[in-house]
Amino acid sequence: MQQLPDGWVPGEPWKRVRFRCMIVGEAPGKEEWKKKRPFVGSAGQFLRQELNAAGLDPDHVYITNVAKIWPRDANGKTRSPSTREIGAATPYLMEEIQHVAPTHILALGGTAYQTLAGSKRKIGLARGSWCSLDARLRSVASLLPTYHPSWIKHRPDGRDQVETWRRDLREFVVACSGEN
């Protein structure tokens, strides 16, 4: 794998991938940027807890983001990554996909789904349906889009969405467990 520029957050784990499955989110947040690890903030802790509950050890799946930097505005507030920021990280994401060679990828949120599928479709319409990756990513992996854990975590009225999201996670876990 190529060396990442300073300030970029790589995916993980390199040495402990047991399943040929991958989880791709949007971008690192403040905690991820500080620790140089994906999904270690509150949304990441929630995701890891839910993966464990669904029967998948998070250390047995490769976890990364489409953008590799913490996107923030002039006031330091987290924002969605720009097209330019995603484009700058796409060659590295392609290299990650080639290295891991996953058969199944879980896309967390609209940005991850749209980047991986090459689609403009909204996550609410795409979630829960397996689809193909964009041809430029040169992978035959099946892609399952679902909501991002931070969106789920902050839904005051979202009990139905939480259960839908958990079903998506379980479906991903079942697909991954067939890879042993």
C-alpha atoms as a PDB file:
ATOM      1  CA  MET A   1       0.000   0.000   0.000  1.00  0.00           C
ATOM      2  CA  GLN A   2       1.149   3.505  -0.738  1.00  0.00           C
ATOM      3  CA  GLN A   3       2.146   5.917   2.030  1.00  0.00           C
ATOM      4  CA  LEU A   4      -0.684   8.274   3.014  1.00  0.00           C
ATOM      5  CA  PRO A   5      -0.165  12.035   3.181  1.00  0.00           C
ATOM      6  CA  ASP A   6       0.077  13.579   6.654  1.00  0.00           C
ATOM      7  CA  GLY A   7      -3.306  14.034   8.309  1.00  0.00           C
ATOM      8  CA  TRP A   8      -4.982  11.191   6.380  1.00  0.00           C
ATOM      9  CA  VAL A   9      -6.642   8.335   8.287  1.00  0.00           C
ATOM     10  CA  PRO A  10      -6.019   4.845   6.834  1.00  0.00           C
ATOM     11  CA  GLY A  11      -8.365   1.888   6.959  1.00  0.00           C
ATOM     12  CA  GLU A  12      -7.776  -1.063   9.254  1.00  0.00           C
ATOM     13  CA  PRO A  13      -6.858  -3.747  10.164  1.00  0.00           C
ATOM     14  CA  TRP A  14      -4.199  -4.909   7.715  1.00  0.00           C
ATOM     15  CA  LYS A  15      -3.006  -8.036   9.486  1.00  0.00           C
ATOM     16  CA  ARG A  16      -6.194  -9.286  11.101  1.00  0.00           C
ATOM     17  CA  VAL A  17      -8.647  -9.468   8.181  1.00  0.00           C
ATOM     18  CA  ARG A  18     -10.404 -12.810   8.618  1.00  0.00           C
ATOM     19  CA  PHE A  19     -13.423 -12.215   6.433  1.00  0.00           C
ATOM     20  CA  ARG A  20     -13.152 -10.841   2.952  1.00  0.00           C
ATOM     21  CA  CYS A  21     -15.623  -8.143   3.876  1.00  0.00           C
ATOM     22  CA  MET A  22     -15.256  -4.405   4.113  1.00  0.00           C
ATOM     23  CA  ILE A  23     -17.151  -1.525   5.699  1.00  0.00           C
ATOM     24  CA  VAL A  24     -16.841   1.917   4.115  1.00  0.00           C
ATOM     25  CA  GLY A  25     -18.025   5.124   5.749  1.00  0.00           C
ATOM     26  CA  GLU A  26     -17.952   8.779   4.764  1.00  0.00           C
ATOM     27  CA  ALA A  27     -14.916  10.416   6.395  1.00  0.00           C
ATOM     28  CA  PRO A  28     -12.994  10.455   9.655  1.00  0.00           C
ATOM     29  CA  GLY A  29     -14.269  12.668  12.456  1.00  0.00           C
ATOM     30  CA  LYS A  30     -12.291  14.481  15.116  1.00  0.00           C
ATOM     31  CA  GLU A  31     -11.564  11.368  17.225  1.00  0.00           C
ATOM     32  CA  GLU A  32     -10.574   9.329  14.177  1.00  0.00           C
ATOM     33  CA  TRP A  33      -8.284  12.100  13.008  1.00  0.00           C
ATOM     34  CA  LYS A  34      -6.612  12.328  16.437  1.00  0.00           C
ATOM     35  CA  LYS A  35      -6.136   8.549  16.762  1.00  0.00           C
ATOM     36  CA  LYS A  36      -5.492   7.870  13.045  1.00  0.00           C
ATOM     37  CA  ARG A  37      -8.042   5.031  13.138  1.00  0.00           C
ATOM     38  CA  PRO A  38     -11.444   4.825  11.420  1.00  0.00           C
ATOM     39  CA  PHE A  39     -14.666   4.581  13.411  1.00  0.00           C
ATOM     40  CA  VAL A  40     -13.327   5.094  16.948  1.00  0.00           C
ATOM     41  CA  GLY A  41     -15.542   8.057  17.920  1.00  0.00           C
ATOM     42  CA  SER A  42     -19.059   7.707  19.310  1.00  0.00           C
ATOM     43  CA  ALA A  43     -20.562   6.552  15.974  1.00  0.00           C
ATOM     44  CA  GLY A  44     -17.728   4.061  15.587  1.00  0.00           C
ATOM     45  CA  GLN A  45     -18.201   2.710  19.093  1.00  0.00           C
ATOM     46  CA  PHE A  46     -21.912   2.302  18.345  1.00  0.00           C
ATOM     47  CA  LEU A  47     -21.115   0.524  15.050  1.00  0.00           C
ATOM     48  CA  ARG A  48     -18.606  -1.828  16.710  1.00  0.00           C
ATOM     49  CA  GLN A  49     -21.080  -2.634  19.513  1.00  0.00           C
ATOM     50  CA  GLU A  50     -23.821  -3.408  16.981  1.00  0.00           C
ATOM     51  CA  LEU A  51     -21.492  -5.537  14.834  1.00  0.00           C
ATOM     52  CA  ASN A  52     -20.572  -7.576  17.904  1.00  0.00           C
ATOM     53  CA  ALA A  53     -24.270  -7.963  18.783  1.00  0.00           C
ATOM     54  CA  ALA A  54     -24.935  -9.158  15.222  1.00  0.00           C
ATOM     55  CA  GLY A  55     -22.164 -11.766  15.562  1.00  0.00           C
ATOM     56  CA  LEU A  56     -19.233 -10.135  13.760  1.00  0.00           C
ATOM     57  CA  ASP A  57     -16.052  -9.130  15.582  1.00  0.00           C
ATOM     58  CA  PRO A  58     -15.171  -5.675  14.169  1.00  0.00           C
ATOM     59  CA  ASP A  59     -11.500  -6.723  14.132  1.00  0.00           C
ATOM     60  CA  HIS A  60     -12.436  -9.335  11.527  1.00  0.00           C
ATOM     61  CA  VAL A  61     -13.597  -6.891   8.874  1.00  0.00           C
ATOM     62  CA  TYR A  62     -11.693  -4.149   7.058  1.00  0.00           C
ATOM     63  CA  ILE A  63     -13.058  -0.700   7.965  1.00  0.00           C
ATOM     64  CA  THR A  64     -12.287   2.504   6.059  1.00  0.00           C
ATOM     65  CA  ASN A  65     -13.819   5.717   4.660  1.00  0.00           C
ATOM     66  CA  VAL A  66     -14.185   7.184   1.166  1.00  0.00           C
ATOM     67  CA  ALA A  67     -12.464  10.391   2.330  1.00  0.00           C
ATOM     68  CA  LYS A  68      -9.283  10.093   4.366  1.00  0.00           C
ATOM     69  CA  ILE A  69      -9.234  13.512   6.055  1.00  0.00           C
ATOM     70  CA  TRP A  70     -11.409  15.078   8.713  1.00  0.00           C
ATOM     71  CA  PRO A  71     -13.543  17.539   6.710  1.00  0.00           C
ATOM     72  CA  ARG A  72     -14.292  20.640   8.748  1.00  0.00           C
ATOM     73  CA  ASP A  73     -15.328  24.194   8.128  1.00  0.00           C
ATOM     74  CA  ALA A  74     -13.452  27.358   9.128  1.00  0.00           C
ATOM     75  CA  ASN A  75     -14.907  27.097  12.651  1.00  0.00           C
ATOM     76  CA  GLY A  76     -13.682  23.503  13.097  1.00  0.00           C
ATOM     77  CA  LYS A  77     -17.170  22.003  12.757  1.00  0.00           C
ATOM     78  CA  THR A  78     -17.375  18.665  10.943  1.00  0.00           C
ATOM     79  CA  ARG A  79     -18.976  18.799   7.485  1.00  0.00           C
ATOM     80  CA  SER A  80     -19.481  16.373   4.612  1.00  0.00           C
ATOM     81  CA  PRO A  81     -16.389  15.812   2.491  1.00  0.00           C
ATOM     82  CA  SER A  82     -16.213  17.749  -0.770  1.00  0.00           C
ATOM     83  CA  THR A  83     -16.075  16.131  -4.195  1.00  0.00           C
ATOM     84  CA  ARG A  84     -12.426  17.227  -4.368  1.00  0.00           C
ATOM     85  CA  GLU A  85     -11.597  15.591  -1.020  1.00  0.00           C
ATOM     86  CA  ILE A  86     -13.278  12.358  -2.056  1.00  0.00           C
ATOM     87  CA  GLY A  87     -11.565  12.465  -5.459  1.00  0.00           C
ATOM     88  CA  ALA A  88      -8.155  12.912  -3.844  1.00  0.00           C
ATOM     89  CA  ALA A  89      -8.715   9.782  -1.730  1.00  0.00           C
ATOM     90  CA  THR A  90     -10.301   7.620  -4.453  1.00  0.00           C
ATOM     91  CA  PRO A  91      -6.993   6.149  -5.746  1.00  0.00           C
ATOM     92  CA  TYR A  92      -6.152   5.038  -2.209  1.00  0.00           C
ATOM     93  CA  LEU A  93      -9.662   3.617  -1.711  1.00  0.00           C
ATOM     94  CA  MET A  94      -9.242   1.697  -4.978  1.00  0.00           C
ATOM     95  CA  GLU A  95      -5.938   0.332  -3.675  1.00  0.00           C
ATOM     96  CA  GLU A  96      -7.601  -0.691  -0.390  1.00  0.00           C
ATOM     97  CA  ILE A  97     -10.348  -2.530  -2.290  1.00  0.00           C
ATOM     98  CA  GLN A  98      -7.767  -4.295  -4.474  1.00  0.00           C
ATOM     99  CA  HIS A  99      -5.664  -5.252  -1.420  1.00  0.00           C
ATOM    100  CA  VAL A 100      -8.541  -6.588   0.685  1.00  0.00           C
ATOM    101  CA  ALA A 101     -10.340  -8.098  -2.344  1.00  0.00           C
ATOM    102  CA  PRO A 102     -13.694  -8.138  -0.522  1.00  0.00           C
ATOM    103  CA  THR A 103     -16.664 -10.098  -1.763  1.00  0.00           C
ATOM    104  CA  HIS A 104     -19.070  -7.936   0.267  1.00  0.00           C
ATOM    105  CA  ILE A 105     -18.933  -4.236   1.155  1.00  0.00           C
ATOM    106  CA  LEU A 106     -21.239  -2.401   3.555  1.00  0.00           C
ATOM    107  CA  ALA A 107     -21.612   1.278   2.588  1.00  0.00           C
ATOM    108  CA  LEU A 108     -22.480   3.440   5.596  1.00  0.00           C
ATOM    109  CA  GLY A 109     -24.420   6.497   4.491  1.00  0.00           C
ATOM    110  CA  GLY A 110     -25.199   8.296   1.286  1.00  0.00           C
ATOM    111  CA  THR A 111     -21.699   9.620   0.588  1.00  0.00           C
ATOM    112  CA  ALA A 112     -20.134   6.148   0.834  1.00  0.00           C
ATOM    113  CA  TYR A 113     -22.920   4.552  -1.218  1.00  0.00           C
ATOM    114  CA  GLN A 114     -22.893   7.200  -3.953  1.00  0.00           C
ATOM    115  CA  THR A 115     -19.087   7.087  -4.215  1.00  0.00           C
ATOM    116  CA  LEU A 116     -18.877   3.287  -4.320  1.00  0.00           C
ATOM    117  CA  ALA A 117     -21.872   2.709  -6.611  1.00  0.00           C
ATOM    118  CA  GLY A 118     -21.322   5.762  -8.818  1.00  0.00           C
ATOM    119  CA  SER A 119     -24.956   6.667  -8.173  1.00  0.00           C
ATOM    120  CA  LYS A 120     -26.898   9.787  -7.243  1.00  0.00           C
ATOM    121  CA  ARG A 121     -29.679   7.741  -5.641  1.00  0.00           C
ATOM    122  CA  LYS A 122     -30.595   8.727  -2.065  1.00  0.00           C
ATOM    123  CA  ILE A 123     -29.573   6.343   0.712  1.00  0.00           C
ATOM    124  CA  GLY A 124     -33.157   6.041   1.950  1.00  0.00           C
ATOM    125  CA  LEU A 125     -34.151   4.547  -1.415  1.00  0.00           C
ATOM    126  CA  ALA A 126     -31.010   2.432  -1.898  1.00  0.00           C
ATOM    127  CA  ARG A 127     -30.510   0.969   1.591  1.00  0.00           C
ATOM    128  CA  GLY A 128     -31.019  -2.709   2.131  1.00  0.00           C
ATOM    129  CA  SER A 129     -30.645  -3.718  -1.543  1.00  0.00           C
ATOM    130  CA  TRP A 130     -27.452  -5.380  -2.743  1.00  0.00           C
ATOM    131  CA  CYS A 131     -25.956  -3.752  -5.827  1.00  0.00           C
ATOM    132  CA  SER A 132     -22.724  -3.567  -7.837  1.00  0.00           C
ATOM    133  CA  LEU A 133     -19.768  -1.271  -7.372  1.00  0.00           C
ATOM    134  CA  ASP A 134     -18.888   1.421  -9.878  1.00  0.00           C
ATOM    135  CA  ALA A 135     -16.797  -0.215 -12.640  1.00  0.00           C
ATOM    136  CA  ARG A 136     -13.885   2.191 -12.055  1.00  0.00           C
ATOM    137  CA  LEU A 137     -13.273   0.489  -8.683  1.00  0.00           C
ATOM    138  CA  ARG A 138     -12.448  -2.765 -10.533  1.00  0.00           C
ATOM    139  CA  SER A 139     -14.091  -5.105  -8.046  1.00  0.00           C
ATOM    140  CA  VAL A 140     -16.834  -7.699  -8.260  1.00  0.00           C
ATOM    141  CA  ALA A 141     -17.795  -7.189  -4.611  1.00  0.00           C
ATOM    142  CA  SER A 142     -21.473  -6.896  -3.781  1.00  0.00           C
ATOM    143  CA  LEU A 143     -22.417  -3.613  -2.122  1.00  0.00           C
ATOM    144  CA  LEU A 144     -25.048  -3.252   0.609  1.00  0.00           C
ATOM    145  CA  PRO A 145     -25.922   0.384   1.327  1.00  0.00           C
ATOM    146  CA  THR A 146     -27.370   1.354   4.690  1.00  0.00           C
ATOM    147  CA  TYR A 147     -27.621   4.334   6.996  1.00  0.00           C
ATOM    148  CA  HIS A 148     -24.549   5.779   8.698  1.00  0.00           C
ATOM    149  CA  PRO A 149     -24.375   4.931  12.416  1.00  0.00           C
ATOM    150  CA  SER A 150     -24.128   8.615  13.408  1.00  0.00           C
ATOM    151  CA  TRP A 151     -27.430   9.293  11.615  1.00  0.00           C
ATOM    152  CA  ILE A 152     -29.052   6.320  13.364  1.00  0.00           C
ATOM    153  CA  LYS A 153     -27.594   7.283  16.739  1.00  0.00           C
ATOM    154  CA  HIS A 154     -29.040  10.804  16.596  1.00  0.00           C
ATOM    155  CA  ARG A 155     -32.584   9.944  15.450  1.00  0.00           C
ATOM    156  CA  PRO A 156     -34.962  10.886  18.284  1.00  0.00           C
ATOM    157  CA  ASP A 157     -37.868   9.298  16.412  1.00  0.00           C
ATOM    158  CA  GLY A 158     -35.848   6.594  14.715  1.00  0.00           C
ATOM    159  CA  ARG A 159     -36.794   3.302  16.357  1.00  0.00           C
ATOM    160  CA  ASP A 160     -37.988   1.941  12.993  1.00  0.00           C
ATOM    161  CA  GLN A 161     -34.784   3.103  11.278  1.00  0.00           C
ATOM    162  CA  VAL A 162     -32.644   1.529  14.033  1.00  0.00           C
ATOM    163  CA  GLU A 163     -34.351  -1.829  13.528  1.00  0.00           C
ATOM    164  CA  THR A 164     -34.024  -1.493   9.736  1.00  0.00           C
ATOM    165  CA  TRP A 165     -30.325  -0.669  10.148  1.00  0.00           C
ATOM    166  CA  ARG A 166     -29.818  -3.663  12.456  1.00  0.00           C
ATOM    167  CA  ARG A 167     -31.462  -5.917   9.849  1.00  0.00           C
ATOM    168  CA  ASP A 168     -29.034  -4.555   7.245  1.00  0.00           C
ATOM    169  CA  LEU A 169     -26.096  -5.256   9.585  1.00  0.00           C
ATOM    170  CA  ARG A 170     -27.326  -8.811  10.219  1.00  0.00           C
ATOM    171  CA  GLU A 171     -27.685  -9.384   6.462  1.00  0.00           C
ATOM    172  CA  PHE A 172     -24.109  -8.172   5.960  1.00  0.00           C
ATOM    173  CA  VAL A 173     -22.858 -10.394   8.814  1.00  0.00           C
ATOM    174  CA  VAL A 174     -24.600 -13.446   7.305  1.00  0.00           C
ATOM    175  CA  ALA A 175     -23.031 -12.702   3.905  1.00  0.00           C
ATOM    176  CA  CYS A 176     -19.601 -12.304   5.533  1.00  0.00           C
ATOM    177  CA  SER A 177     -19.903 -15.462   7.634  1.00  0.00           C
ATOM    178  CA  GLY A 178     -20.169 -17.486   4.432  1.00  0.00           C
ATOM    179  CA  GLU A 179     -16.625 -16.381   3.580  1.00  0.00           C
ATOM    180  CA  ASN A 180     -14.802 -18.497   6.175  1.00  0.00           C
END
